[in-house]
Amino acid sequence: MALTKKQIKELEEDLKERKRKILQHLDKLQGEADAEMASPSGDSADIAALELSHRSIQNAGNRELKLLKLIDHALKKFDEGEYGICEYSGEDIPYARLKISPFAKYTVEAKEELERKERGYRKHSVDNDSFGVDSDDDDD
């Protein structure tokens, strides 16, 4: 069932608000990281703690950057008039799913099928590796 205009507007506003909050948080994280790195003083334990803190900030920022990409992709779909359409099956993504995850690209069924295929591909690659067959995929 296609989304109503009211649902589309609600979901678009939700995505824009999420984006605003993420950008605000990333700006705050950047400010904290800059402030911490501006005064690297103390003994080796202090410096190690500072590096760990910086790494934690960086990891949080990386997660939010990934989410930001998903949000931007979804917002682009609004502009193209394709928001709420599964990128795998072409079916409508149910409103309930989009309400929970407004940046969803797939229906639940399509996502499950893609994950099954991915697991099958990985299993096949592992089976080939166990027989000494070279895998073409060196990115893993």
C-alpha atoms as a PDB file:
ATOM      1  CA  MET A   1       0.000   0.000   0.000  1.00  0.00           C
ATOM      2  CA  ALA A   2       1.450   3.331  -1.056  1.00  0.00           C
ATOM      3  CA  LEU A   3       2.170   5.990   1.522  1.00  0.00           C
ATOM      4  CA  THR A   4      -0.259   8.838   2.007  1.00  0.00           C
ATOM      5  CA  LYS A   5       0.874  12.441   1.537  1.00  0.00           C
ATOM      6  CA  LYS A   6       0.607  12.932   5.297  1.00  0.00           C
ATOM      7  CA  GLN A   7       2.822   9.894   5.976  1.00  0.00           C
ATOM      8  CA  ILE A   8       5.374  11.031   3.403  1.00  0.00           C
ATOM      9  CA  LYS A   9       5.546  14.497   4.950  1.00  0.00           C
ATOM     10  CA  GLU A  10       5.871  13.042   8.466  1.00  0.00           C
ATOM     11  CA  LEU A  11       8.685  10.686   7.439  1.00  0.00           C
ATOM     12  CA  GLU A  12      10.541  13.393   5.527  1.00  0.00           C
ATOM     13  CA  GLU A  13      10.371  15.738   8.522  1.00  0.00           C
ATOM     14  CA  ASP A  14      11.605  12.917  10.781  1.00  0.00           C
ATOM     15  CA  LEU A  15      14.598  12.309   8.509  1.00  0.00           C
ATOM     16  CA  LYS A  16      15.437  16.007   8.340  1.00  0.00           C
ATOM     17  CA  GLU A  17      15.273  16.263  12.146  1.00  0.00           C
ATOM     18  CA  ARG A  18      17.498  13.201  12.549  1.00  0.00           C
ATOM     19  CA  LYS A  19      19.979  14.718  10.096  1.00  0.00           C
ATOM     20  CA  ARG A  20      19.978  18.015  11.983  1.00  0.00           C
ATOM     21  CA  LYS A  21      20.653  16.234  15.298  1.00  0.00           C
ATOM     22  CA  ILE A  22      23.449  14.125  13.821  1.00  0.00           C
ATOM     23  CA  LEU A  23      25.149  17.141  12.269  1.00  0.00           C
ATOM     24  CA  GLN A  24      24.855  18.991  15.563  1.00  0.00           C
ATOM     25  CA  HIS A  25      26.310  16.016  17.459  1.00  0.00           C
ATOM     26  CA  LEU A  26      29.153  15.568  14.946  1.00  0.00           C
ATOM     27  CA  ASP A  27      30.002  19.240  15.333  1.00  0.00           C
ATOM     28  CA  LYS A  28      30.069  18.790  19.119  1.00  0.00           C
ATOM     29  CA  LEU A  29      32.276  15.680  18.809  1.00  0.00           C
ATOM     30  CA  GLN A  30      34.666  17.561  16.534  1.00  0.00           C
ATOM     31  CA  GLY A  31      34.873  20.397  19.043  1.00  0.00           C
ATOM     32  CA  GLU A  32      35.589  17.971  21.891  1.00  0.00           C
ATOM     33  CA  ALA A  33      38.252  16.170  19.871  1.00  0.00           C
ATOM     34  CA  ASP A  34      39.897  19.450  18.900  1.00  0.00           C
ATOM     35  CA  ALA A  35      39.890  20.649  22.512  1.00  0.00           C
ATOM     36  CA  GLU A  36      41.395  17.395  23.793  1.00  0.00           C
ATOM     37  CA  MET A  37      44.113  17.290  21.155  1.00  0.00           C
ATOM     38  CA  ALA A  38      45.006  20.967  21.689  1.00  0.00           C
ATOM     39  CA  SER A  39      46.422  20.267  25.152  1.00  0.00           C
ATOM     40  CA  PRO A  40      48.168  16.869  25.129  1.00  0.00           C
ATOM     41  CA  SER A  41      49.944  17.143  28.455  1.00  0.00           C
ATOM     42  CA  GLY A  42      50.576  14.786  31.316  1.00  0.00           C
ATOM     43  CA  ASP A  43      52.229  11.443  31.716  1.00  0.00           C
ATOM     44  CA  SER A  44      51.956   8.440  29.404  1.00  0.00           C
ATOM     45  CA  ALA A  45      48.767   7.234  31.144  1.00  0.00           C
ATOM     46  CA  ASP A  46      47.101  10.597  30.512  1.00  0.00           C
ATOM     47  CA  ILE A  47      48.160  10.506  26.875  1.00  0.00           C
ATOM     48  CA  ALA A  48      46.914   6.916  26.495  1.00  0.00           C
ATOM     49  CA  ALA A  49      43.567   7.917  28.026  1.00  0.00           C
ATOM     50  CA  LEU A  50      43.410  10.878  25.640  1.00  0.00           C
ATOM     51  CA  GLU A  51      44.079   8.619  22.644  1.00  0.00           C
ATOM     52  CA  LEU A  52      41.394   6.171  23.812  1.00  0.00           C
ATOM     53  CA  SER A  53      38.926   9.018  24.225  1.00  0.00           C
ATOM     54  CA  HIS A  54      39.792  10.355  20.779  1.00  0.00           C
ATOM     55  CA  ARG A  55      39.309   6.881  19.276  1.00  0.00           C
ATOM     56  CA  SER A  56      35.902   6.577  20.977  1.00  0.00           C
ATOM     57  CA  ILE A  57      34.851   9.939  19.596  1.00  0.00           C
ATOM     58  CA  GLN A  58      36.058   8.901  16.153  1.00  0.00           C
ATOM     59  CA  ASN A  59      34.117   5.610  16.299  1.00  0.00           C
ATOM     60  CA  ALA A  60      30.933   7.407  17.345  1.00  0.00           C
ATOM     61  CA  GLY A  61      31.439   9.879  14.545  1.00  0.00           C
ATOM     62  CA  ASN A  62      31.981   7.104  12.001  1.00  0.00           C
ATOM     63  CA  ARG A  63      28.715   5.414  13.001  1.00  0.00           C
ATOM     64  CA  GLU A  64      26.863   8.689  12.682  1.00  0.00           C
ATOM     65  CA  LEU A  65      28.457   9.417   9.298  1.00  0.00           C
ATOM     66  CA  LYS A  66      27.183   6.062   8.021  1.00  0.00           C
ATOM     67  CA  LEU A  67      23.703   6.888   9.308  1.00  0.00           C
ATOM     68  CA  LEU A  68      23.948  10.332   7.729  1.00  0.00           C
ATOM     69  CA  LYS A  69      24.661   8.717   4.340  1.00  0.00           C
ATOM     70  CA  LEU A  70      21.547   6.548   4.714  1.00  0.00           C
ATOM     71  CA  ILE A  71      19.465   9.581   5.623  1.00  0.00           C
ATOM     72  CA  ASP A  72      20.812  11.591   2.680  1.00  0.00           C
ATOM     73  CA  HIS A  73      20.035   8.663   0.371  1.00  0.00           C
ATOM     74  CA  ALA A  74      16.469   8.527   1.693  1.00  0.00           C
ATOM     75  CA  LEU A  75      16.036  12.298   1.316  1.00  0.00           C
ATOM     76  CA  LYS A  76      17.237  12.019  -2.282  1.00  0.00           C
ATOM     77  CA  LYS A  77      14.505   9.415  -2.839  1.00  0.00           C
ATOM     78  CA  PHE A  78      11.919  12.005  -1.796  1.00  0.00           C
ATOM     79  CA  ASP A  79      13.252  14.363  -4.457  1.00  0.00           C
ATOM     80  CA  GLU A  80      13.092  11.586  -7.071  1.00  0.00           C
ATOM     81  CA  GLY A  81       9.573  10.570  -6.050  1.00  0.00           C
ATOM     82  CA  GLU A  82      10.791   7.054  -5.177  1.00  0.00           C
ATOM     83  CA  TYR A  83      10.744   7.178  -1.388  1.00  0.00           C
ATOM     84  CA  GLY A  84       9.194   4.112   0.229  1.00  0.00           C
ATOM     85  CA  ILE A  85       9.844   1.818  -2.741  1.00  0.00           C
ATOM     86  CA  CYS A  86      12.050  -1.221  -2.147  1.00  0.00           C
ATOM     87  CA  GLU A  87      15.298  -0.944  -4.093  1.00  0.00           C
ATOM     88  CA  TYR A  88      15.393  -4.725  -4.529  1.00  0.00           C
ATOM     89  CA  SER A  89      11.838  -5.789  -5.291  1.00  0.00           C
ATOM     90  CA  GLY A  90      10.212  -2.535  -6.377  1.00  0.00           C
ATOM     91  CA  GLU A  91       7.394  -3.135  -3.868  1.00  0.00           C
ATOM     92  CA  ASP A  92       6.117  -0.538  -1.424  1.00  0.00           C
ATOM     93  CA  ILE A  93       7.901  -0.567   1.927  1.00  0.00           C
ATOM     94  CA  PRO A  94       5.222  -0.680   4.640  1.00  0.00           C
ATOM     95  CA  TYR A  95       4.677   2.499   6.636  1.00  0.00           C
ATOM     96  CA  ALA A  96       5.267   0.624   9.922  1.00  0.00           C
ATOM     97  CA  ARG A  97       8.784  -0.308   8.763  1.00  0.00           C
ATOM     98  CA  LEU A  98       9.541   3.225   7.593  1.00  0.00           C
ATOM     99  CA  LYS A  99       8.216   4.645  10.863  1.00  0.00           C
ATOM    100  CA  ILE A 100      10.822   2.581  12.734  1.00  0.00           C
ATOM    101  CA  SER A 101      13.572   2.985  10.143  1.00  0.00           C
ATOM    102  CA  PRO A 102      12.726   5.880   7.801  1.00  0.00           C
ATOM    103  CA  PHE A 103      15.950   5.312   5.838  1.00  0.00           C
ATOM    104  CA  ALA A 104      15.109   1.663   5.036  1.00  0.00           C
ATOM    105  CA  LYS A 105      15.942   0.732   1.446  1.00  0.00           C
ATOM    106  CA  TYR A 106      14.220  -2.645   1.411  1.00  0.00           C
ATOM    107  CA  THR A 107      11.107  -4.446   2.572  1.00  0.00           C
ATOM    108  CA  VAL A 108      11.749  -6.913   5.402  1.00  0.00           C
ATOM    109  CA  GLU A 109      11.335  -9.811   2.968  1.00  0.00           C
ATOM    110  CA  ALA A 110      13.804  -8.344   0.478  1.00  0.00           C
ATOM    111  CA  LYS A 111      16.331  -7.614   3.233  1.00  0.00           C
ATOM    112  CA  GLU A 112      16.051 -11.199   4.503  1.00  0.00           C
ATOM    113  CA  GLU A 113      16.534 -12.561   0.980  1.00  0.00           C
ATOM    114  CA  LEU A 114      19.590 -10.378   0.437  1.00  0.00           C
ATOM    115  CA  GLU A 115      21.039 -11.532   3.763  1.00  0.00           C
ATOM    116  CA  ARG A 116      20.419 -15.203   2.843  1.00  0.00           C
ATOM    117  CA  LYS A 117      22.210 -14.671  -0.456  1.00  0.00           C
ATOM    118  CA  GLU A 118      25.094 -12.960   1.327  1.00  0.00           C
ATOM    119  CA  ARG A 119      25.386 -15.829   3.829  1.00  0.00           C
ATOM    120  CA  GLY A 120      25.311 -18.307   0.959  1.00  0.00           C
ATOM    121  CA  TYR A 121      28.015 -16.391  -0.851  1.00  0.00           C
ATOM    122  CA  ARG A 122      30.175 -16.264   2.276  1.00  0.00           C
ATOM    123  CA  LYS A 123      29.632 -19.984   2.937  1.00  0.00           C
ATOM    124  CA  HIS A 124      30.570 -20.755  -0.648  1.00  0.00           C
ATOM    125  CA  SER A 125      33.720 -18.630  -0.312  1.00  0.00           C
ATOM    126  CA  VAL A 126      34.670 -20.377   2.943  1.00  0.00           C
ATOM    127  CA  ASP A 127      34.097 -23.787   1.343  1.00  0.00           C
ATOM    128  CA  ASN A 128      36.318 -22.841  -1.604  1.00  0.00           C
ATOM    129  CA  ASP A 129      39.022 -21.509   0.718  1.00  0.00           C
ATOM    130  CA  SER A 130      39.013 -24.751   2.702  1.00  0.00           C
ATOM    131  CA  PHE A 131      39.868 -26.650  -0.502  1.00  0.00           C
ATOM    132  CA  GLY A 132      42.712 -24.298  -1.363  1.00  0.00           C
ATOM    133  CA  VAL A 133      40.753 -22.445  -4.031  1.00  0.00           C
ATOM    134  CA  ASP A 134      41.744 -18.800  -4.233  1.00  0.00           C
ATOM    135  CA  SER A 135      38.941 -16.315  -3.651  1.00  0.00           C
ATOM    136  CA  ASP A 136      38.672 -13.280  -5.934  1.00  0.00           C
ATOM    137  CA  ASP A 137      37.316 -11.199  -3.042  1.00  0.00           C
ATOM    138  CA  ASP A 138      40.278  -9.885  -1.049  1.00  0.00           C
ATOM    139  CA  ASP A 139      38.283  -7.131   0.676  1.00  0.00           C
ATOM    140  CA  ASP A 140      37.112  -9.329   3.563  1.00  0.00           C
END
